[in-house]
Amino acid sequence: MARVRLSVAERREELLRAAVEQIETRGVAAVRIADVASALGVSNALVLYHFSTKERLVAAAFAYAAEDDLAHLGKLLGRRTTALRRLRSAVRWYAPTGPAKGWRLWIEGWAAALREPALREVTRDLDKRWKAAIAEVIAEGVAAGEFHCPDPMGSALRLTALLDGLAVQITSYAGAVSRARAQEWVDEALARELGLTEVPAAGRR
């Protein structure tokens, strides 16, 4: 059956989706141009035409995944409700106990970024934008009198560090931390950062 002819933009997105899937399956070090090409039934030359090297393909794949994650984060934080509800929703989605996918991908990315400058820029940008978005909503909640937080950016950094660390534990070491315990820690950390007196019952499992 003949393949549907795609535009340049559509073909590029198809290649990026396939690259993300292959990286999650094989890891950054092991994945090859041939793996991405084979997954789509296209030639190696076609992949190289769009990205020229494996390094550029990998960096672009992580940038693609990052934009998808940030778009979803933007939707959660942009809802017309209280800052506290938006924060809880975003943190629970992003936490390794929530519905967010791709933690294996990002752990691979962090490791590879130590050796790949282009990939390091992508992961650094995602990290900065995530923290900035969380800090902005915390500042909105403080201004509205919903809670107290003297350092929104510091709180965003600490929450991110906790979530990322738990993701490594849960993804890399099965059974190291139960999902229920991890969720308790996340809810407790958020309450502590916002000066709340207790963790909401809905946050406990």
C-alpha atoms as a PDB file:
ATOM      1  CA  MET A   1       0.000   0.000   0.000  1.00  0.00           C
ATOM      2  CA  ALA A   2       1.427   3.380  -1.036  1.00  0.00           C
ATOM      3  CA  ARG A   3       2.367   5.798   1.721  1.00  0.00           C
ATOM      4  CA  VAL A   4       0.443   9.043   1.974  1.00  0.00           C
ATOM      5  CA  ARG A   5       2.546  11.977   0.784  1.00  0.00           C
ATOM      6  CA  LEU A   6       3.275  14.275   3.715  1.00  0.00           C
ATOM      7  CA  SER A   7       4.294  17.893   3.789  1.00  0.00           C
ATOM      8  CA  VAL A   8       7.772  18.742   5.066  1.00  0.00           C
ATOM      9  CA  ALA A   9       6.341  19.803   8.438  1.00  0.00           C
ATOM     10  CA  GLU A  10       4.196  16.670   8.737  1.00  0.00           C
ATOM     11  CA  ARG A  11       7.095  14.406   7.809  1.00  0.00           C
ATOM     12  CA  ARG A  12       9.363  16.124  10.329  1.00  0.00           C
ATOM     13  CA  GLU A  13       6.787  15.669  13.093  1.00  0.00           C
ATOM     14  CA  GLU A  14       6.341  12.018  12.166  1.00  0.00           C
ATOM     15  CA  LEU A  15      10.094  11.487  12.391  1.00  0.00           C
ATOM     16  CA  LEU A  16      10.261  13.262  15.755  1.00  0.00           C
ATOM     17  CA  ARG A  17       7.455  11.161  17.221  1.00  0.00           C
ATOM     18  CA  ALA A  18       9.206   8.006  16.059  1.00  0.00           C
ATOM     19  CA  ALA A  19      12.519   9.215  17.474  1.00  0.00           C
ATOM     20  CA  VAL A  20      10.939   9.875  20.878  1.00  0.00           C
ATOM     21  CA  GLU A  21       9.475   6.355  20.921  1.00  0.00           C
ATOM     22  CA  GLN A  22      12.790   4.788  19.920  1.00  0.00           C
ATOM     23  CA  ILE A  23      14.738   6.756  22.537  1.00  0.00           C
ATOM     24  CA  GLU A  24      12.287   5.667  25.247  1.00  0.00           C
ATOM     25  CA  THR A  25      12.683   2.046  24.131  1.00  0.00           C
ATOM     26  CA  ARG A  26      16.395   1.863  23.359  1.00  0.00           C
ATOM     27  CA  GLY A  27      18.002   4.793  25.150  1.00  0.00           C
ATOM     28  CA  VAL A  28      19.914   7.712  23.691  1.00  0.00           C
ATOM     29  CA  ALA A  29      23.231   5.880  23.375  1.00  0.00           C
ATOM     30  CA  ALA A  30      21.803   2.824  21.612  1.00  0.00           C
ATOM     31  CA  VAL A  31      19.275   4.412  19.281  1.00  0.00           C
ATOM     32  CA  ARG A  32      20.320   4.712  15.634  1.00  0.00           C
ATOM     33  CA  ILE A  33      19.086   6.590  12.603  1.00  0.00           C
ATOM     34  CA  ALA A  34      18.237   3.170  11.171  1.00  0.00           C
ATOM     35  CA  ASP A  35      15.919   2.423  14.112  1.00  0.00           C
ATOM     36  CA  VAL A  36      13.844   5.532  13.463  1.00  0.00           C
ATOM     37  CA  ALA A  37      13.780   4.901   9.721  1.00  0.00           C
ATOM     38  CA  SER A  38      12.780   1.249  10.183  1.00  0.00           C
ATOM     39  CA  ALA A  39       9.962   2.156  12.582  1.00  0.00           C
ATOM     40  CA  LEU A  40       8.372   4.269   9.855  1.00  0.00           C
ATOM     41  CA  GLY A  41       9.357   2.174   6.847  1.00  0.00           C
ATOM     42  CA  VAL A  42      11.438   4.952   5.305  1.00  0.00           C
ATOM     43  CA  SER A  43      15.082   5.215   4.271  1.00  0.00           C
ATOM     44  CA  ASN A  44      17.982   6.351   6.443  1.00  0.00           C
ATOM     45  CA  ALA A  45      18.608   9.029   3.824  1.00  0.00           C
ATOM     46  CA  LEU A  46      15.184  10.566   4.447  1.00  0.00           C
ATOM     47  CA  VAL A  47      15.862  10.900   8.175  1.00  0.00           C
ATOM     48  CA  LEU A  48      19.291  12.404   7.476  1.00  0.00           C
ATOM     49  CA  TYR A  49      17.781  14.804   4.934  1.00  0.00           C
ATOM     50  CA  HIS A  50      15.672  16.338   7.715  1.00  0.00           C
ATOM     51  CA  PHE A  51      18.187  16.212  10.583  1.00  0.00           C
ATOM     52  CA  SER A  52      21.649  15.545   9.047  1.00  0.00           C
ATOM     53  CA  THR A  53      23.045  13.769  12.159  1.00  0.00           C
ATOM     54  CA  LYS A  54      21.859  11.543  14.972  1.00  0.00           C
ATOM     55  CA  GLU A  55      22.808  14.227  17.498  1.00  0.00           C
ATOM     56  CA  ARG A  56      20.558  16.783  15.823  1.00  0.00           C
ATOM     57  CA  LEU A  57      17.720  14.278  15.568  1.00  0.00           C
ATOM     58  CA  VAL A  58      17.982  13.430  19.277  1.00  0.00           C
ATOM     59  CA  ALA A  59      18.101  17.097  20.333  1.00  0.00           C
ATOM     60  CA  ALA A  60      15.108  17.899  18.121  1.00  0.00           C
ATOM     61  CA  ALA A  61      13.188  14.908  19.510  1.00  0.00           C
ATOM     62  CA  PHE A  62      13.700  16.098  23.076  1.00  0.00           C
ATOM     63  CA  ALA A  63      12.699  19.646  22.096  1.00  0.00           C
ATOM     64  CA  TYR A  64       9.538  18.222  20.535  1.00  0.00           C
ATOM     65  CA  ALA A  65       8.706  16.254  23.679  1.00  0.00           C
ATOM     66  CA  ALA A  66       9.473  19.293  25.852  1.00  0.00           C
ATOM     67  CA  GLU A  67       7.106  21.539  23.918  1.00  0.00           C
ATOM     68  CA  ASP A  68       4.354  18.955  24.275  1.00  0.00           C
ATOM     69  CA  ASP A  69       4.871  18.767  28.043  1.00  0.00           C
ATOM     70  CA  LEU A  70       5.012  22.550  28.394  1.00  0.00           C
ATOM     71  CA  ALA A  71       1.838  22.964  26.348  1.00  0.00           C
ATOM     72  CA  HIS A  72      -0.008  20.635  28.706  1.00  0.00           C
ATOM     73  CA  LEU A  73       1.441  22.413  31.724  1.00  0.00           C
ATOM     74  CA  GLY A  74       0.228  25.704  30.258  1.00  0.00           C
ATOM     75  CA  LYS A  75      -3.299  24.332  29.956  1.00  0.00           C
ATOM     76  CA  LEU A  76      -3.313  23.179  33.577  1.00  0.00           C
ATOM     77  CA  LEU A  77      -1.958  26.466  34.906  1.00  0.00           C
ATOM     78  CA  GLY A  78      -4.186  28.539  32.653  1.00  0.00           C
ATOM     79  CA  ARG A  79      -7.479  27.208  33.974  1.00  0.00           C
ATOM     80  CA  ARG A  80      -9.951  29.693  35.425  1.00  0.00           C
ATOM     81  CA  THR A  81      -9.758  28.608  39.035  1.00  0.00           C
ATOM     82  CA  THR A  82      -7.687  29.395  42.114  1.00  0.00           C
ATOM     83  CA  ALA A  83      -3.908  29.405  41.986  1.00  0.00           C
ATOM     84  CA  LEU A  84      -3.858  26.673  44.623  1.00  0.00           C
ATOM     85  CA  ARG A  85      -6.024  24.332  42.557  1.00  0.00           C
ATOM     86  CA  ARG A  86      -3.948  25.010  39.453  1.00  0.00           C
ATOM     87  CA  LEU A  87      -0.726  24.289  41.317  1.00  0.00           C
ATOM     88  CA  ARG A  88      -2.026  21.048  42.813  1.00  0.00           C
ATOM     89  CA  SER A  89      -3.261  19.925  39.416  1.00  0.00           C
ATOM     90  CA  ALA A  90       0.050  20.689  37.710  1.00  0.00           C
ATOM     91  CA  VAL A  91       2.219  19.127  40.413  1.00  0.00           C
ATOM     92  CA  ARG A  92       0.144  15.952  40.567  1.00  0.00           C
ATOM     93  CA  TRP A  93       0.216  15.628  36.782  1.00  0.00           C
ATOM     94  CA  TYR A  94       3.989  16.156  36.608  1.00  0.00           C
ATOM     95  CA  ALA A  95       4.808  13.916  39.581  1.00  0.00           C
ATOM     96  CA  PRO A  96       5.952  10.371  38.725  1.00  0.00           C
ATOM     97  CA  THR A  97       2.766   9.138  40.414  1.00  0.00           C
ATOM     98  CA  GLY A  98       0.536  11.119  38.043  1.00  0.00           C
ATOM     99  CA  PRO A  99      -0.622  10.664  34.428  1.00  0.00           C
ATOM    100  CA  ALA A 100       2.351  12.435  32.823  1.00  0.00           C
ATOM    101  CA  LYS A 101       4.303  10.088  30.581  1.00  0.00           C
ATOM    102  CA  GLY A 102       7.879  10.044  29.423  1.00  0.00           C
ATOM    103  CA  TRP A 103       9.901   9.965  32.638  1.00  0.00           C
ATOM    104  CA  ARG A 104      12.197   7.324  31.165  1.00  0.00           C
ATOM    105  CA  LEU A 105      12.759   9.661  28.220  1.00  0.00           C
ATOM    106  CA  TRP A 106      13.751  12.576  30.438  1.00  0.00           C
ATOM    107  CA  ILE A 107      16.045  10.512  32.630  1.00  0.00           C
ATOM    108  CA  GLU A 108      17.791   9.379  29.445  1.00  0.00           C
ATOM    109  CA  GLY A 109      17.974  13.006  28.357  1.00  0.00           C
ATOM    110  CA  TRP A 110      19.519  14.250  31.605  1.00  0.00           C
ATOM    111  CA  ALA A 111      22.227  11.585  31.411  1.00  0.00           C
ATOM    112  CA  ALA A 112      23.033  12.200  27.742  1.00  0.00           C
ATOM    113  CA  ALA A 113      23.014  15.981  28.247  1.00  0.00           C
ATOM    114  CA  LEU A 114      26.235  15.648  30.266  1.00  0.00           C
ATOM    115  CA  ARG A 115      27.998  14.819  26.990  1.00  0.00           C
ATOM    116  CA  GLU A 116      25.829  16.509  24.346  1.00  0.00           C
ATOM    117  CA  PRO A 117      25.798  20.352  24.370  1.00  0.00           C
ATOM    118  CA  ALA A 118      22.756  20.634  22.068  1.00  0.00           C
ATOM    119  CA  LEU A 119      20.731  18.297  24.249  1.00  0.00           C
ATOM    120  CA  ARG A 120      21.907  20.111  27.371  1.00  0.00           C
ATOM    121  CA  GLU A 121      20.422  23.338  26.001  1.00  0.00           C
ATOM    122  CA  VAL A 122      17.072  21.627  25.400  1.00  0.00           C
ATOM    123  CA  THR A 123      16.843  20.117  28.888  1.00  0.00           C
ATOM    124  CA  ARG A 124      18.043  23.361  30.508  1.00  0.00           C
ATOM    125  CA  ASP A 125      15.382  25.352  28.634  1.00  0.00           C
ATOM    126  CA  LEU A 126      12.632  22.948  29.711  1.00  0.00           C
ATOM    127  CA  ASP A 127      13.805  23.161  33.311  1.00  0.00           C
ATOM    128  CA  LYS A 128      13.861  26.978  33.296  1.00  0.00           C
ATOM    129  CA  ARG A 129      10.430  27.295  31.677  1.00  0.00           C
ATOM    130  CA  TRP A 130       8.852  24.739  34.039  1.00  0.00           C
ATOM    131  CA  LYS A 131      10.204  26.534  37.119  1.00  0.00           C
ATOM    132  CA  ALA A 132       9.171  29.944  35.767  1.00  0.00           C
ATOM    133  CA  ALA A 133       5.611  28.767  35.103  1.00  0.00           C
ATOM    134  CA  ILE A 134       5.237  27.291  38.593  1.00  0.00           C
ATOM    135  CA  ALA A 135       6.810  30.343  40.237  1.00  0.00           C
ATOM    136  CA  GLU A 136       4.439  32.645  38.351  1.00  0.00           C
ATOM    137  CA  VAL A 137       1.342  30.855  39.633  1.00  0.00           C
ATOM    138  CA  ILE A 138       2.729  30.768  43.172  1.00  0.00           C
ATOM    139  CA  ALA A 139       3.245  34.540  42.952  1.00  0.00           C
ATOM    140  CA  GLU A 140      -0.346  34.946  41.719  1.00  0.00           C
ATOM    141  CA  GLY A 141      -1.627  32.968  44.704  1.00  0.00           C
ATOM    142  CA  VAL A 142       0.423  35.087  47.098  1.00  0.00           C
ATOM    143  CA  ALA A 143      -0.903  38.299  45.532  1.00  0.00           C
ATOM    144  CA  ALA A 144      -4.469  36.985  45.814  1.00  0.00           C
ATOM    145  CA  GLY A 145      -3.971  36.117  49.490  1.00  0.00           C
ATOM    146  CA  GLU A 146      -4.532  32.390  48.952  1.00  0.00           C
ATOM    147  CA  PHE A 147      -1.331  31.367  50.706  1.00  0.00           C
ATOM    148  CA  HIS A 148       2.032  32.685  51.872  1.00  0.00           C
ATOM    149  CA  CYS A 149       5.350  32.146  50.093  1.00  0.00           C
ATOM    150  CA  PRO A 150       8.266  34.602  50.443  1.00  0.00           C
ATOM    151  CA  ASP A 151      10.276  33.101  47.548  1.00  0.00           C
ATOM    152  CA  PRO A 152       8.152  31.701  44.673  1.00  0.00           C
ATOM    153  CA  MET A 153      11.157  30.832  42.491  1.00  0.00           C
ATOM    154  CA  GLY A 154      12.910  29.078  45.379  1.00  0.00           C
ATOM    155  CA  SER A 155       9.757  27.078  46.052  1.00  0.00           C
ATOM    156  CA  ALA A 156       9.467  26.156  42.370  1.00  0.00           C
ATOM    157  CA  LEU A 157      13.081  24.963  42.375  1.00  0.00           C
ATOM    158  CA  ARG A 158      12.633  22.837  45.504  1.00  0.00           C
ATOM    159  CA  LEU A 159       9.394  21.289  44.243  1.00  0.00           C
ATOM    160  CA  THR A 160      10.993  20.470  40.892  1.00  0.00           C
ATOM    161  CA  ALA A 161      14.016  18.916  42.588  1.00  0.00           C
ATOM    162  CA  LEU A 162      11.737  16.697  44.679  1.00  0.00           C
ATOM    163  CA  LEU A 163       9.638  15.618  41.700  1.00  0.00           C
ATOM    164  CA  ASP A 164      12.669  14.902  39.526  1.00  0.00           C
ATOM    165  CA  GLY A 165      14.362  12.939  42.303  1.00  0.00           C
ATOM    166  CA  LEU A 166      11.268  10.849  42.970  1.00  0.00           C
ATOM    167  CA  ALA A 167      10.960  10.180  39.251  1.00  0.00           C
ATOM    168  CA  VAL A 168      14.481   8.738  39.172  1.00  0.00           C
ATOM    169  CA  GLN A 169      13.762   6.532  42.184  1.00  0.00           C
ATOM    170  CA  ILE A 170      10.427   5.224  40.914  1.00  0.00           C
ATOM    171  CA  THR A 171      11.476   4.813  37.278  1.00  0.00           C
ATOM    172  CA  SER A 172      14.960   3.394  37.808  1.00  0.00           C
ATOM    173  CA  TYR A 173      14.558   1.383  41.013  1.00  0.00           C
ATOM    174  CA  ALA A 174      11.350  -0.612  41.199  1.00  0.00           C
ATOM    175  CA  GLY A 175      10.005  -0.699  44.743  1.00  0.00           C
ATOM    176  CA  ALA A 176      12.443   1.894  46.133  1.00  0.00           C
ATOM    177  CA  VAL A 177       9.569   4.252  46.938  1.00  0.00           C
ATOM    178  CA  SER A 178       5.891   3.348  46.741  1.00  0.00           C
ATOM    179  CA  ARG A 179       3.687   5.577  44.637  1.00  0.00           C
ATOM    180  CA  ALA A 180       1.424   6.211  47.617  1.00  0.00           C
ATOM    181  CA  ARG A 181       4.352   7.373  49.752  1.00  0.00           C
ATOM    182  CA  ALA A 182       5.719   9.516  46.948  1.00  0.00           C
ATOM    183  CA  GLN A 183       2.339  11.212  46.510  1.00  0.00           C
ATOM    184  CA  GLU A 184       2.195  11.935  50.249  1.00  0.00           C
ATOM    185  CA  TRP A 185       5.635  13.542  50.110  1.00  0.00           C
ATOM    186  CA  VAL A 186       4.663  15.671  47.108  1.00  0.00           C
ATOM    187  CA  ASP A 187       1.466  16.911  48.763  1.00  0.00           C
ATOM    188  CA  GLU A 188       3.294  17.601  52.019  1.00  0.00           C
ATOM    189  CA  ALA A 189       6.048  19.520  50.207  1.00  0.00           C
ATOM    190  CA  LEU A 190       3.544  21.679  48.338  1.00  0.00           C
ATOM    191  CA  ALA A 191       1.664  22.467  51.552  1.00  0.00           C
ATOM    192  CA  ARG A 192       4.921  23.327  53.310  1.00  0.00           C
ATOM    193  CA  GLU A 193       6.128  25.615  50.512  1.00  0.00           C
ATOM    194  CA  LEU A 194       2.811  27.492  50.497  1.00  0.00           C
ATOM    195  CA  GLY A 195       2.542  27.815  54.272  1.00  0.00           C
ATOM    196  CA  LEU A 196      -0.617  25.722  54.444  1.00  0.00           C
ATOM    197  CA  THR A 197      -1.473  24.246  57.820  1.00  0.00           C
ATOM    198  CA  GLU A 198      -2.367  20.777  56.583  1.00  0.00           C
ATOM    199  CA  VAL A 199      -2.364  18.527  53.558  1.00  0.00           C
ATOM    200  CA  PRO A 200      -5.807  18.229  51.947  1.00  0.00           C
ATOM    201  CA  ALA A 201      -7.517  14.872  52.511  1.00  0.00           C
ATOM    202  CA  ALA A 202      -7.862  14.453  48.738  1.00  0.00           C
ATOM    203  CA  GLY A 203      -4.074  14.407  48.495  1.00  0.00           C
ATOM    204  CA  ARG A 204      -3.692  11.402  50.766  1.00  0.00           C
ATOM    205  CA  ARG A 205      -3.862   7.850  49.534  1.00  0.00           C
END
